[in-house]
Amino acid sequence: MSLDLAVDDVEIEVGTAIPVALIVNELLSNAFKHAFPGHRPGSITLRLQTLADGCYRLTVADDGVGMPAGVHFPGGPTMGLELVSVLADQIDGVVELTREPGTRFVLTFAAHP
């Protein structure tokens, strides 16, 4: 498995940085734990981009087996996905989920809430 990192040089207030870091931790943990069963090869991508409007876009994606159809987001059955949703709300962020191929979460949030 490979990890592709592309992170812009950013300055984010601590009140925003902590929830974003917790979201990154949860999404990466899920990808490492569930995306590649049986040591299947694949890649995980983490990107943090500065947008023209002063916002940021965080993308955590993998090309693994994808989320099961029964797992809903937001409001999924797992505490981790619920945490992602709550933390995104805390920073007035918007999370989008794309399921195929693999799984892709995109969080868009303002630099200063």
PDB file of N, CA and C in Angstrom:
ATOM      1  N   MET A   1       0.849  -1.163   0.000  1.00  0.00           N
ATOM      2  CA  MET A   1       0.000   0.000   0.000  1.00  0.00           C
ATOM      3  C   MET A   1       0.898   1.231   0.000  1.00  0.00           C
ATOM      4  N   SER A   2       0.460   2.250  -0.717  1.00  0.00           N
ATOM      5  CA  SER A   2       1.234   3.486  -0.755  1.00  0.00           C
ATOM      6  C   SER A   2       0.388   4.642  -0.221  1.00  0.00           C
ATOM      7  N   LEU A   3       1.079   5.665   0.251  1.00  0.00           N
ATOM      8  CA  LEU A   3       0.427   6.862   0.777  1.00  0.00           C
ATOM      9  C   LEU A   3       0.941   8.043  -0.019  1.00  0.00           C
ATOM     10  N   ASP A   4       0.019   8.777  -0.638  1.00  0.00           N
ATOM     11  CA  ASP A   4       0.349   9.952  -1.444  1.00  0.00           C
ATOM     12  C   ASP A   4      -0.073  11.188  -0.672  1.00  0.00           C
ATOM     13  N   LEU A   5       0.885  12.040  -0.316  1.00  0.00           N
ATOM     14  CA  LEU A   5       0.606  13.266   0.427  1.00  0.00           C
ATOM     15  C   LEU A   5       0.853  14.475  -0.457  1.00  0.00           C
ATOM     16  N   ALA A   6      -0.089  15.408  -0.447  1.00  0.00           N
ATOM     17  CA  ALA A   6       0.061  16.683  -1.149  1.00  0.00           C
ATOM     18  C   ALA A   6      -0.612  17.731  -0.274  1.00  0.00           C
ATOM     19  N   VAL A   7       0.192  18.428   0.499  1.00  0.00           N
ATOM     20  CA  VAL A   7      -0.340  19.360   1.491  1.00  0.00           C
ATOM     21  C   VAL A   7       0.243  20.744   1.244  1.00  0.00           C
ATOM     22  N   ASP A   8      -0.648  21.711   0.984  1.00  0.00           N
ATOM     23  CA  ASP A   8      -0.212  23.100   0.835  1.00  0.00           C
ATOM     24  C   ASP A   8       0.296  23.623   2.174  1.00  0.00           C
ATOM     25  N   ASP A   9       1.153  24.617   2.125  1.00  0.00           N
ATOM     26  CA  ASP A   9       1.629  25.296   3.325  1.00  0.00           C
ATOM     27  C   ASP A   9       0.508  26.217   3.798  1.00  0.00           C
ATOM     28  N   VAL A  10      -0.105  25.884   4.949  1.00  0.00           N
ATOM     29  CA  VAL A  10      -1.270  26.623   5.417  1.00  0.00           C
ATOM     30  C   VAL A  10      -1.085  27.056   6.863  1.00  0.00           C
ATOM     31  N   GLU A  11      -1.828  28.077   7.240  1.00  0.00           N
ATOM     32  CA  GLU A  11      -1.917  28.504   8.633  1.00  0.00           C
ATOM     33  C   GLU A  11      -3.377  28.452   9.021  1.00  0.00           C
ATOM     34  N   ILE A  12      -3.679  27.597   9.979  1.00  0.00           N
ATOM     35  CA  ILE A  12      -5.053  27.400  10.423  1.00  0.00           C
ATOM     36  C   ILE A  12      -5.093  27.621  11.929  1.00  0.00           C
ATOM     37  N   GLU A  13      -6.100  28.360  12.395  1.00  0.00           N
ATOM     38  CA  GLU A  13      -6.267  28.596  13.829  1.00  0.00           C
ATOM     39  C   GLU A  13      -6.423  27.268  14.561  1.00  0.00           C
ATOM     40  N   VAL A  14      -5.943  27.221  15.792  1.00  0.00           N
ATOM     41  CA  VAL A  14      -5.975  25.985  16.566  1.00  0.00           C
ATOM     42  C   VAL A  14      -7.395  25.464  16.756  1.00  0.00           C
ATOM     43  N   GLY A  15      -8.369  26.358  16.879  1.00  0.00           N
ATOM     44  CA  GLY A  15      -9.760  25.943  17.034  1.00  0.00           C
ATOM     45  C   GLY A  15     -10.308  25.219  15.817  1.00  0.00           C
ATOM     46  N   THR A  16      -9.684  25.422  14.683  1.00  0.00           N
ATOM     47  CA  THR A  16     -10.041  24.710  13.455  1.00  0.00           C
ATOM     48  C   THR A  16      -9.093  23.542  13.215  1.00  0.00           C
ATOM     49  N   ALA A  17      -7.814  23.740  13.525  1.00  0.00           N
ATOM     50  CA  ALA A  17      -6.803  22.716  13.254  1.00  0.00           C
ATOM     51  C   ALA A  17      -7.062  21.421  14.028  1.00  0.00           C
ATOM     52  N   ILE A  18      -7.492  21.534  15.276  1.00  0.00           N
ATOM     53  CA  ILE A  18      -7.708  20.328  16.082  1.00  0.00           C
ATOM     54  C   ILE A  18      -8.835  19.471  15.505  1.00  0.00           C
ATOM     55  N   PRO A  19     -10.019  20.022  15.217  1.00  0.00           N
ATOM     56  CA  PRO A  19     -11.050  19.184  14.589  1.00  0.00           C
ATOM     57  C   PRO A  19     -10.605  18.604  13.241  1.00  0.00           C
ATOM     58  N   VAL A  20      -9.881  19.389  12.442  1.00  0.00           N
ATOM     59  CA  VAL A  20      -9.406  18.880  11.154  1.00  0.00           C
ATOM     60  C   VAL A  20      -8.446  17.712  11.368  1.00  0.00           C
ATOM     61  N   ALA A  21      -7.544  17.837  12.335  1.00  0.00           N
ATOM     62  CA  ALA A  21      -6.596  16.752  12.628  1.00  0.00           C
ATOM     63  C   ALA A  21      -7.328  15.488  13.084  1.00  0.00           C
ATOM     64  N   LEU A  22      -8.365  15.648  13.897  1.00  0.00           N
ATOM     65  CA  LEU A  22      -9.142  14.492  14.343  1.00  0.00           C
ATOM     66  C   LEU A  22      -9.887  13.839  13.178  1.00  0.00           C
ATOM     67  N   ILE A  23     -10.384  14.650  12.253  1.00  0.00           N
ATOM     68  CA  ILE A  23     -11.041  14.117  11.061  1.00  0.00           C
ATOM     69  C   ILE A  23     -10.036  13.331  10.214  1.00  0.00           C
ATOM     70  N   VAL A  24      -8.861  13.909  10.004  1.00  0.00           N
ATOM     71  CA  VAL A  24      -7.817  13.217   9.236  1.00  0.00           C
ATOM     72  C   VAL A  24      -7.478  11.883   9.891  1.00  0.00           C
ATOM     73  N   ASN A  25      -7.298  11.894  11.199  1.00  0.00           N
ATOM     74  CA  ASN A  25      -6.966  10.670  11.924  1.00  0.00           C
ATOM     75  C   ASN A  25      -8.044   9.605  11.720  1.00  0.00           C
ATOM     76  N   GLU A  26      -9.298   9.975  11.850  1.00  0.00           N
ATOM     77  CA  GLU A  26     -10.391   9.014  11.706  1.00  0.00           C
ATOM     78  C   GLU A  26     -10.472   8.459  10.284  1.00  0.00           C
ATOM     79  N   LEU A  27     -10.381   9.333   9.294  1.00  0.00           N
ATOM     80  CA  LEU A  27     -10.508   8.871   7.908  1.00  0.00           C
ATOM     81  C   LEU A  27      -9.319   8.025   7.473  1.00  0.00           C
ATOM     82  N   LEU A  28      -8.107   8.410   7.877  1.00  0.00           N
ATOM     83  CA  LEU A  28      -6.940   7.589   7.548  1.00  0.00           C
ATOM     84  C   LEU A  28      -6.998   6.246   8.265  1.00  0.00           C
ATOM     85  N   SER A  29      -7.387   6.259   9.529  1.00  0.00           N
ATOM     86  CA  SER A  29      -7.510   5.002  10.282  1.00  0.00           C
ATOM     87  C   SER A  29      -8.494   4.059   9.600  1.00  0.00           C
ATOM     88  N   ASN A  30      -9.639   4.595   9.185  1.00  0.00           N
ATOM     89  CA  ASN A  30     -10.627   3.765   8.484  1.00  0.00           C
ATOM     90  C   ASN A  30     -10.061   3.195   7.195  1.00  0.00           C
ATOM     91  N   ALA A  31      -9.349   4.013   6.444  1.00  0.00           N
ATOM     92  CA  ALA A  31      -8.777   3.535   5.177  1.00  0.00           C
ATOM     93  C   ALA A  31      -7.760   2.422   5.430  1.00  0.00           C
ATOM     94  N   PHE A  32      -6.857   2.630   6.376  1.00  0.00           N
ATOM     95  CA  PHE A  32      -5.853   1.600   6.682  1.00  0.00           C
ATOM     96  C   PHE A  32      -6.509   0.320   7.181  1.00  0.00           C
ATOM     97  N   LYS A  33      -7.564   0.464   7.956  1.00  0.00           N
ATOM     98  CA  LYS A  33      -8.194  -0.692   8.598  1.00  0.00           C
ATOM     99  C   LYS A  33      -9.116  -1.470   7.657  1.00  0.00           C
ATOM    100  N   HIS A  34      -9.840  -0.770   6.771  1.00  0.00           N
ATOM    101  CA  HIS A  34     -10.914  -1.424   6.026  1.00  0.00           C
ATOM    102  C   HIS A  34     -10.761  -1.458   4.506  1.00  0.00           C
ATOM    103  N   ALA A  35      -9.959  -0.592   3.925  1.00  0.00           N
ATOM    104  CA  ALA A  35      -9.955  -0.464   2.459  1.00  0.00           C
ATOM    105  C   ALA A  35      -9.238  -1.599   1.739  1.00  0.00           C
ATOM    106  N   PHE A  36      -8.311  -2.243   2.416  1.00  0.00           N
ATOM    107  CA  PHE A  36      -7.456  -3.219   1.728  1.00  0.00           C
ATOM    108  C   PHE A  36      -7.418  -4.549   2.475  1.00  0.00           C
ATOM    109  N   PRO A  37      -8.526  -5.270   2.519  1.00  0.00           N
ATOM    110  CA  PRO A  37      -8.543  -6.546   3.241  1.00  0.00           C
ATOM    111  C   PRO A  37      -7.608  -7.567   2.592  1.00  0.00           C
ATOM    112  N   GLY A  38      -7.062  -8.426   3.421  1.00  0.00           N
ATOM    113  CA  GLY A  38      -6.186  -9.476   2.899  1.00  0.00           C
ATOM    114  C   GLY A  38      -4.910  -8.950   2.288  1.00  0.00           C
ATOM    115  N   HIS A  39      -4.434  -7.828   2.760  1.00  0.00           N
ATOM    116  CA  HIS A  39      -3.195  -7.206   2.263  1.00  0.00           C
ATOM    117  C   HIS A  39      -3.265  -6.877   0.772  1.00  0.00           C
ATOM    118  N   ARG A  40      -4.455  -6.556   0.320  1.00  0.00           N
ATOM    119  CA  ARG A  40      -4.674  -6.142  -1.067  1.00  0.00           C
ATOM    120  C   ARG A  40      -3.836  -4.893  -1.344  1.00  0.00           C
ATOM    121  N   PRO A  41      -3.184  -4.793  -2.507  1.00  0.00           N
ATOM    122  CA  PRO A  41      -2.418  -3.578  -2.823  1.00  0.00           C
ATOM    123  C   PRO A  41      -3.352  -2.406  -3.110  1.00  0.00           C
ATOM    124  N   GLY A  42      -2.836  -1.214  -2.907  1.00  0.00           N
ATOM    125  CA  GLY A  42      -3.634  -0.031  -3.203  1.00  0.00           C
ATOM    126  C   GLY A  42      -2.948   1.217  -2.705  1.00  0.00           C
ATOM    127  N   SER A  43      -3.672   2.334  -2.786  1.00  0.00           N
ATOM    128  CA  SER A  43      -3.083   3.604  -2.361  1.00  0.00           C
ATOM    129  C   SER A  43      -4.114   4.444  -1.617  1.00  0.00           C
ATOM    130  N   ILE A  44      -3.578   5.267  -0.730  1.00  0.00           N
ATOM    131  CA  ILE A  44      -4.366   6.238   0.017  1.00  0.00           C
ATOM    132  C   ILE A  44      -3.797   7.605  -0.317  1.00  0.00           C
ATOM    133  N   THR A  45      -4.681   8.561  -0.538  1.00  0.00           N
ATOM    134  CA  THR A  45      -4.275   9.923  -0.875  1.00  0.00           C
ATOM    135  C   THR A  45      -4.782  10.883   0.191  1.00  0.00           C
ATOM    136  N   LEU A  46      -3.903  11.773   0.632  1.00  0.00           N
ATOM    137  CA  LEU A  46      -4.268  12.852   1.544  1.00  0.00           C
ATOM    138  C   LEU A  46      -3.828  14.149   0.902  1.00  0.00           C
ATOM    139  N   ARG A  47      -4.793  15.042   0.682  1.00  0.00           N
ATOM    140  CA  ARG A  47      -4.502  16.344   0.082  1.00  0.00           C
ATOM    141  C   ARG A  47      -5.142  17.443   0.923  1.00  0.00           C
ATOM    142  N   LEU A  48      -4.416  18.528   1.078  1.00  0.00           N
ATOM    143  CA  LEU A  48      -4.968  19.739   1.694  1.00  0.00           C
ATOM    144  C   LEU A  48      -4.622  20.878   0.765  1.00  0.00           C
ATOM    145  N   GLN A  49      -5.662  21.494   0.200  1.00  0.00           N
ATOM    146  CA  GLN A  49      -5.478  22.548  -0.790  1.00  0.00           C
ATOM    147  C   GLN A  49      -6.067  23.856  -0.283  1.00  0.00           C
ATOM    148  N   THR A  50      -5.409  24.947  -0.623  1.00  0.00           N
ATOM    149  CA  THR A  50      -5.938  26.276  -0.370  1.00  0.00           C
ATOM    150  C   THR A  50      -6.756  26.679  -1.587  1.00  0.00           C
ATOM    151  N   LEU A  51      -8.001  27.068  -1.356  1.00  0.00           N
ATOM    152  CA  LEU A  51      -8.873  27.487  -2.449  1.00  0.00           C
ATOM    153  C   LEU A  51      -8.809  29.002  -2.622  1.00  0.00           C
ATOM    154  N   ALA A  52      -9.229  29.484  -3.751  1.00  0.00           N
ATOM    155  CA  ALA A  52      -9.141  30.912  -4.069  1.00  0.00           C
ATOM    156  C   ALA A  52      -9.982  31.783  -3.147  1.00  0.00           C
ATOM    157  N   ASP A  53     -11.035  31.243  -2.577  1.00  0.00           N
ATOM    158  CA  ASP A  53     -11.933  32.032  -1.739  1.00  0.00           C
ATOM    159  C   ASP A  53     -11.516  32.064  -0.267  1.00  0.00           C
ATOM    160  N   GLY A  54     -10.305  31.623   0.039  1.00  0.00           N
ATOM    161  CA  GLY A  54      -9.839  31.626   1.420  1.00  0.00           C
ATOM    162  C   GLY A  54     -10.251  30.400   2.205  1.00  0.00           C
ATOM    163  N   CYS A  55     -10.861  29.458   1.547  1.00  0.00           N
ATOM    164  CA  CYS A  55     -11.247  28.202   2.187  1.00  0.00           C
ATOM    165  C   CYS A  55     -10.202  27.135   1.894  1.00  0.00           C
ATOM    166  N   TYR A  56     -10.373  26.011   2.539  1.00  0.00           N
ATOM    167  CA  TYR A  56      -9.492  24.867   2.325  1.00  0.00           C
ATOM    168  C   TYR A  56     -10.308  23.667   1.900  1.00  0.00           C
ATOM    169  N   ARG A  57      -9.649  22.762   1.178  1.00  0.00           N
ATOM    170  CA  ARG A  57     -10.256  21.493   0.788  1.00  0.00           C
ATOM    171  C   ARG A  57      -9.326  20.377   1.237  1.00  0.00           C
ATOM    172  N   LEU A  58      -9.858  19.519   2.087  1.00  0.00           N
ATOM    173  CA  LEU A  58      -9.142  18.344   2.554  1.00  0.00           C
ATOM    174  C   LEU A  58      -9.745  17.127   1.869  1.00  0.00           C
ATOM    175  N   THR A  59      -8.908  16.316   1.250  1.00  0.00           N
ATOM    176  CA  THR A  59      -9.368  15.101   0.599  1.00  0.00           C
ATOM    177  C   THR A  59      -8.624  13.915   1.186  1.00  0.00           C
ATOM    178  N   VAL A  60      -9.372  12.920   1.611  1.00  0.00           N
ATOM    179  CA  VAL A  60      -8.808  11.643   2.038  1.00  0.00           C
ATOM    180  C   VAL A  60      -9.493  10.595   1.179  1.00  0.00           C
ATOM    181  N   ALA A  61      -8.707   9.895   0.358  1.00  0.00           N
ATOM    182  CA  ALA A  61      -9.277   8.957  -0.605  1.00  0.00           C
ATOM    183  C   ALA A  61      -8.446   7.692  -0.667  1.00  0.00           C
ATOM    184  N   ASP A  62      -9.096   6.606  -1.057  1.00  0.00           N
ATOM    185  CA  ASP A  62      -8.375   5.352  -1.283  1.00  0.00           C
ATOM    186  C   ASP A  62      -8.971   4.665  -2.508  1.00  0.00           C
ATOM    187  N   ASP A  63      -8.224   3.724  -3.054  1.00  0.00           N
ATOM    188  CA  ASP A  63      -8.717   2.950  -4.186  1.00  0.00           C
ATOM    189  C   ASP A  63      -8.996   1.509  -3.758  1.00  0.00           C
ATOM    190  N   GLY A  64      -9.450   1.388  -2.523  1.00  0.00           N
ATOM    191  CA  GLY A  64      -9.734   0.077  -1.947  1.00  0.00           C
ATOM    192  C   GLY A  64     -11.093  -0.458  -2.346  1.00  0.00           C
ATOM    193  N   VAL A  65     -11.622  -1.327  -1.475  1.00  0.00           N
ATOM    194  CA  VAL A  65     -12.860  -2.047  -1.775  1.00  0.00           C
ATOM    195  C   VAL A  65     -14.106  -1.181  -1.674  1.00  0.00           C
ATOM    196  N   GLY A  66     -14.006  -0.006  -1.108  1.00  0.00           N
ATOM    197  CA  GLY A  66     -15.150   0.899  -0.995  1.00  0.00           C
ATOM    198  C   GLY A  66     -15.974   0.617   0.255  1.00  0.00           C
ATOM    199  N   MET A  67     -16.795   1.584   0.615  1.00  0.00           N
ATOM    200  CA  MET A  67     -17.653   1.432   1.785  1.00  0.00           C
ATOM    201  C   MET A  67     -18.843   0.553   1.431  1.00  0.00           C
ATOM    202  N   PRO A  68     -19.242  -0.304   2.355  1.00  0.00           N
ATOM    203  CA  PRO A  68     -20.429  -1.131   2.098  1.00  0.00           C
ATOM    204  C   PRO A  68     -21.665  -0.263   1.882  1.00  0.00           C
ATOM    205  N   ALA A  69     -22.587  -0.736   1.066  1.00  0.00           N
ATOM    206  CA  ALA A  69     -23.797   0.019   0.744  1.00  0.00           C
ATOM    207  C   ALA A  69     -24.622   0.326   1.987  1.00  0.00           C
ATOM    208  N   GLY A  70     -24.546  -0.503   3.002  1.00  0.00           N
ATOM    209  CA  GLY A  70     -25.324  -0.301   4.213  1.00  0.00           C
ATOM    210  C   GLY A  70     -24.769   0.751   5.149  1.00  0.00           C
ATOM    211  N   VAL A  71     -23.589   1.259   4.868  1.00  0.00           N
ATOM    212  CA  VAL A  71     -22.982   2.291   5.708  1.00  0.00           C
ATOM    213  C   VAL A  71     -23.353   3.648   5.138  1.00  0.00           C
ATOM    214  N   HIS A  72     -24.078   4.426   5.932  1.00  0.00           N
ATOM    215  CA  HIS A  72     -24.552   5.725   5.469  1.00  0.00           C
ATOM    216  C   HIS A  72     -23.739   6.850   6.093  1.00  0.00           C
ATOM    217  N   PHE A  73     -23.543   7.899   5.330  1.00  0.00           N
ATOM    218  CA  PHE A  73     -22.862   9.081   5.834  1.00  0.00           C
ATOM    219  C   PHE A  73     -23.601  10.302   5.334  1.00  0.00           C
ATOM    220  N   PRO A  74     -23.899  11.292   6.138  1.00  0.00           N
ATOM    221  CA  PRO A  74     -23.666  11.298   7.584  1.00  0.00           C
ATOM    222  C   PRO A  74     -24.689  10.439   8.304  1.00  0.00           C
ATOM    223  N   GLY A  75     -24.462  10.275   9.593  1.00  0.00           N
ATOM    224  CA  GLY A  75     -25.383   9.507  10.416  1.00  0.00           C
ATOM    225  C   GLY A  75     -25.173   8.021  10.308  1.00  0.00           C
ATOM    226  N   GLY A  76     -23.948   7.618   9.950  1.00  0.00           N
ATOM    227  CA  GLY A  76     -23.663   6.205   9.800  1.00  0.00           C
ATOM    228  C   GLY A  76     -23.710   5.453  11.115  1.00  0.00           C
ATOM    229  N   PRO A  77     -23.631   4.146  11.015  1.00  0.00           N
ATOM    230  CA  PRO A  77     -23.762   3.316  12.211  1.00  0.00           C
ATOM    231  C   PRO A  77     -22.501   3.300  13.088  1.00  0.00           C
ATOM    232  N   THR A  78     -21.423   3.905  12.615  1.00  0.00           N
ATOM    233  CA  THR A  78     -20.190   3.857  13.392  1.00  0.00           C
ATOM    234  C   THR A  78     -19.948   5.180  14.098  1.00  0.00           C
ATOM    235  N   MET A  79     -19.353   5.081  15.271  1.00  0.00           N
ATOM    236  CA  MET A  79     -19.051   6.284  16.033  1.00  0.00           C
ATOM    237  C   MET A  79     -18.024   7.142  15.288  1.00  0.00           C
ATOM    238  N   GLY A  80     -17.090   6.508  14.596  1.00  0.00           N
ATOM    239  CA  GLY A  80     -16.063   7.258  13.875  1.00  0.00           C
ATOM    240  C   GLY A  80     -16.637   8.156  12.792  1.00  0.00           C
ATOM    241  N   LEU A  81     -17.558   7.628  11.993  1.00  0.00           N
ATOM    242  CA  LEU A  81     -18.169   8.449  10.943  1.00  0.00           C
ATOM    243  C   LEU A  81     -19.063   9.521  11.531  1.00  0.00           C
ATOM    244  N   GLU A  82     -19.713   9.218  12.645  1.00  0.00           N
ATOM    245  CA  GLU A  82     -20.510  10.240  13.328  1.00  0.00           C
ATOM    246  C   GLU A  82     -19.599  11.350  13.833  1.00  0.00           C
ATOM    247  N   LEU A  83     -18.426  10.978  14.352  1.00  0.00           N
ATOM    248  CA  LEU A  83     -17.442  11.959  14.828  1.00  0.00           C
ATOM    249  C   LEU A  83     -16.998  12.876  13.691  1.00  0.00           C
ATOM    250  N   VAL A  84     -16.743  12.319  12.517  1.00  0.00           N
ATOM    251  CA  VAL A  84     -16.358  13.126  11.359  1.00  0.00           C
ATOM    252  C   VAL A  84     -17.436  14.163  11.059  1.00  0.00           C
ATOM    253  N   SER A  85     -18.678  13.743  11.071  1.00  0.00           N
ATOM    254  CA  SER A  85     -19.784  14.644  10.789  1.00  0.00           C
ATOM    255  C   SER A  85     -19.900  15.746  11.845  1.00  0.00           C
ATOM    256  N   VAL A  86     -19.797  15.382  13.107  1.00  0.00           N
ATOM    257  CA  VAL A  86     -19.908  16.354  14.202  1.00  0.00           C
ATOM    258  C   VAL A  86     -18.756  17.355  14.155  1.00  0.00           C
ATOM    259  N   LEU A  87     -17.541  16.874  13.924  1.00  0.00           N
ATOM    260  CA  LEU A  87     -16.379  17.767  13.863  1.00  0.00           C
ATOM    261  C   LEU A  87     -16.464  18.710  12.666  1.00  0.00           C
ATOM    262  N   ALA A  88     -16.950  18.212  11.534  1.00  0.00           N
ATOM    263  CA  ALA A  88     -17.124  19.075  10.359  1.00  0.00           C
ATOM    264  C   ALA A  88     -18.139  20.176  10.665  1.00  0.00           C
ATOM    265  N   ASP A  89     -19.227  19.819  11.322  1.00  0.00           N
ATOM    266  CA  ASP A  89     -20.223  20.825  11.714  1.00  0.00           C
ATOM    267  C   ASP A  89     -19.618  21.859  12.653  1.00  0.00           C
ATOM    268  N   GLN A  90     -18.755  21.398  13.549  1.00  0.00           N
ATOM    269  CA  GLN A  90     -18.125  22.286  14.531  1.00  0.00           C
ATOM    270  C   GLN A  90     -17.338  23.404  13.862  1.00  0.00           C
ATOM    271  N   ILE A  91     -16.741  23.123  12.705  1.00  0.00           N
ATOM    272  CA  ILE A  91     -15.946  24.144  12.004  1.00  0.00           C
ATOM    273  C   ILE A  91     -16.696  24.707  10.797  1.00  0.00           C
ATOM    274  N   ASP A  92     -18.001  24.476  10.762  1.00  0.00           N
ATOM    275  CA  ASP A  92     -18.846  24.918   9.647  1.00  0.00           C
ATOM    276  C   ASP A  92     -18.348  24.381   8.313  1.00  0.00           C
ATOM    277  N   GLY A  93     -17.854  23.156   8.340  1.00  0.00           N
ATOM    278  CA  GLY A  93     -17.371  22.511   7.127  1.00  0.00           C
ATOM    279  C   GLY A  93     -18.451  21.665   6.481  1.00  0.00           C
ATOM    280  N   VAL A  94     -18.205  21.320   5.238  1.00  0.00           N
ATOM    281  CA  VAL A  94     -19.105  20.460   4.470  1.00  0.00           C
ATOM    282  C   VAL A  94     -18.310  19.246   4.022  1.00  0.00           C
ATOM    283  N   VAL A  95     -18.850  18.053   4.296  1.00  0.00           N
ATOM    284  CA  VAL A  95     -18.182  16.810   3.906  1.00  0.00           C
ATOM    285  C   VAL A  95     -18.992  16.140   2.814  1.00  0.00           C
ATOM    286  N   GLU A  96     -18.289  15.747   1.756  1.00  0.00           N
ATOM    287  CA  GLU A  96     -18.914  15.002   0.666  1.00  0.00           C
ATOM    288  C   GLU A  96     -18.255  13.633   0.587  1.00  0.00           C
ATOM    289  N   LEU A  97     -19.054  12.616   0.337  1.00  0.00           N
ATOM    290  CA  LEU A  97     -18.568  11.247   0.204  1.00  0.00           C
ATOM    291  C   LEU A  97     -18.843  10.746  -1.200  1.00  0.00           C
ATOM    292  N   THR A  98     -17.798  10.217  -1.828  1.00  0.00           N
ATOM    293  CA  THR A  98     -17.922   9.540  -3.114  1.00  0.00           C
ATOM    294  C   THR A  98     -17.478   8.106  -2.887  1.00  0.00           C
ATOM    295  N   ARG A  99     -18.281   7.158  -3.317  1.00  0.00           N
ATOM    296  CA  ARG A  99     -18.022   5.754  -2.990  1.00  0.00           C
ATOM    297  C   ARG A  99     -17.257   4.965  -4.045  1.00  0.00           C
ATOM    298  N   GLU A 100     -17.269   5.371  -5.296  1.00  0.00           N
ATOM    299  CA  GLU A 100     -16.607   4.531  -6.279  1.00  0.00           C
ATOM    300  C   GLU A 100     -15.820   5.358  -7.263  1.00  0.00           C
ATOM    301  N   PRO A 101     -14.670   4.916  -7.647  1.00  0.00           N
ATOM    302  CA  PRO A 101     -13.998   3.717  -7.146  1.00  0.00           C
ATOM    303  C   PRO A 101     -13.368   3.979  -5.780  1.00  0.00           C
ATOM    304  N   GLY A 102     -13.346   3.017  -4.921  1.00  0.00           N
ATOM    305  CA  GLY A 102     -12.816   3.180  -3.573  1.00  0.00           C
ATOM    306  C   GLY A 102     -13.714   4.084  -2.751  1.00  0.00           C
ATOM    307  N   THR A 103     -13.103   4.873  -1.888  1.00  0.00           N
ATOM    308  CA  THR A 103     -13.836   5.801  -1.028  1.00  0.00           C
ATOM    309  C   THR A 103     -13.106   7.134  -1.021  1.00  0.00           C
ATOM    310  N   ARG A 104     -13.867   8.220  -1.142  1.00  0.00           N
ATOM    311  CA  ARG A 104     -13.281   9.564  -1.134  1.00  0.00           C
ATOM    312  C   ARG A 104     -14.141  10.475  -0.255  1.00  0.00           C
ATOM    313  N   PHE A 105     -13.486  11.058   0.767  1.00  0.00           N
ATOM    314  CA  PHE A 105     -14.119  12.074   1.595  1.00  0.00           C
ATOM    315  C   PHE A 105     -13.476  13.407   1.252  1.00  0.00           C
ATOM    316  N   VAL A 106     -14.304  14.431   1.026  1.00  0.00           N
ATOM    317  CA  VAL A 106     -13.818  15.775   0.752  1.00  0.00           C
ATOM    318  C   VAL A 106     -14.468  16.714   1.763  1.00  0.00           C
ATOM    319  N   LEU A 107     -13.627  17.390   2.555  1.00  0.00           N
ATOM    320  CA  LEU A 107     -14.081  18.356   3.543  1.00  0.00           C
ATOM    321  C   LEU A 107     -13.678  19.743   3.061  1.00  0.00           C
ATOM    322  N   THR A 108     -14.645  20.633   2.942  1.00  0.00           N
ATOM    323  CA  THR A 108     -14.367  22.034   2.584  1.00  0.00           C
ATOM    324  C   THR A 108     -14.713  22.870   3.809  1.00  0.00           C
ATOM    325  N   PHE A 109     -13.772  23.737   4.197  1.00  0.00           N
ATOM    326  CA  PHE A 109     -13.972  24.547   5.404  1.00  0.00           C
ATOM    327  C   PHE A 109     -13.236  25.872   5.277  1.00  0.00           C
ATOM    328  N   ALA A 110     -13.670  26.852   6.058  1.00  0.00           N
ATOM    329  CA  ALA A 110     -13.056  28.181   6.044  1.00  0.00           C
ATOM    330  C   ALA A 110     -11.811  28.189   6.911  1.00  0.00           C
ATOM    331  N   ALA A 111     -10.876  29.051   6.552  1.00  0.00           N
ATOM    332  CA  ALA A 111      -9.642  29.166   7.320  1.00  0.00           C
ATOM    333  C   ALA A 111      -9.917  29.654   8.729  1.00  0.00           C
ATOM    334  N   HIS A 112     -10.845  30.577   8.855  1.00  0.00           N
ATOM    335  CA  HIS A 112     -11.180  31.149  10.155  1.00  0.00           C
ATOM    336  C   HIS A 112     -12.690  31.177  10.293  1.00  0.00           C
ATOM    337  N   PRO A 113     -13.217  30.312  11.143  1.00  0.00           N
ATOM    338  CA  PRO A 113     -14.686  30.241  11.269  1.00  0.00           C
ATOM    339  C   PRO A 113     -15.275  31.512  11.856  1.00  0.00           C
TER     340      PRO A 113
END
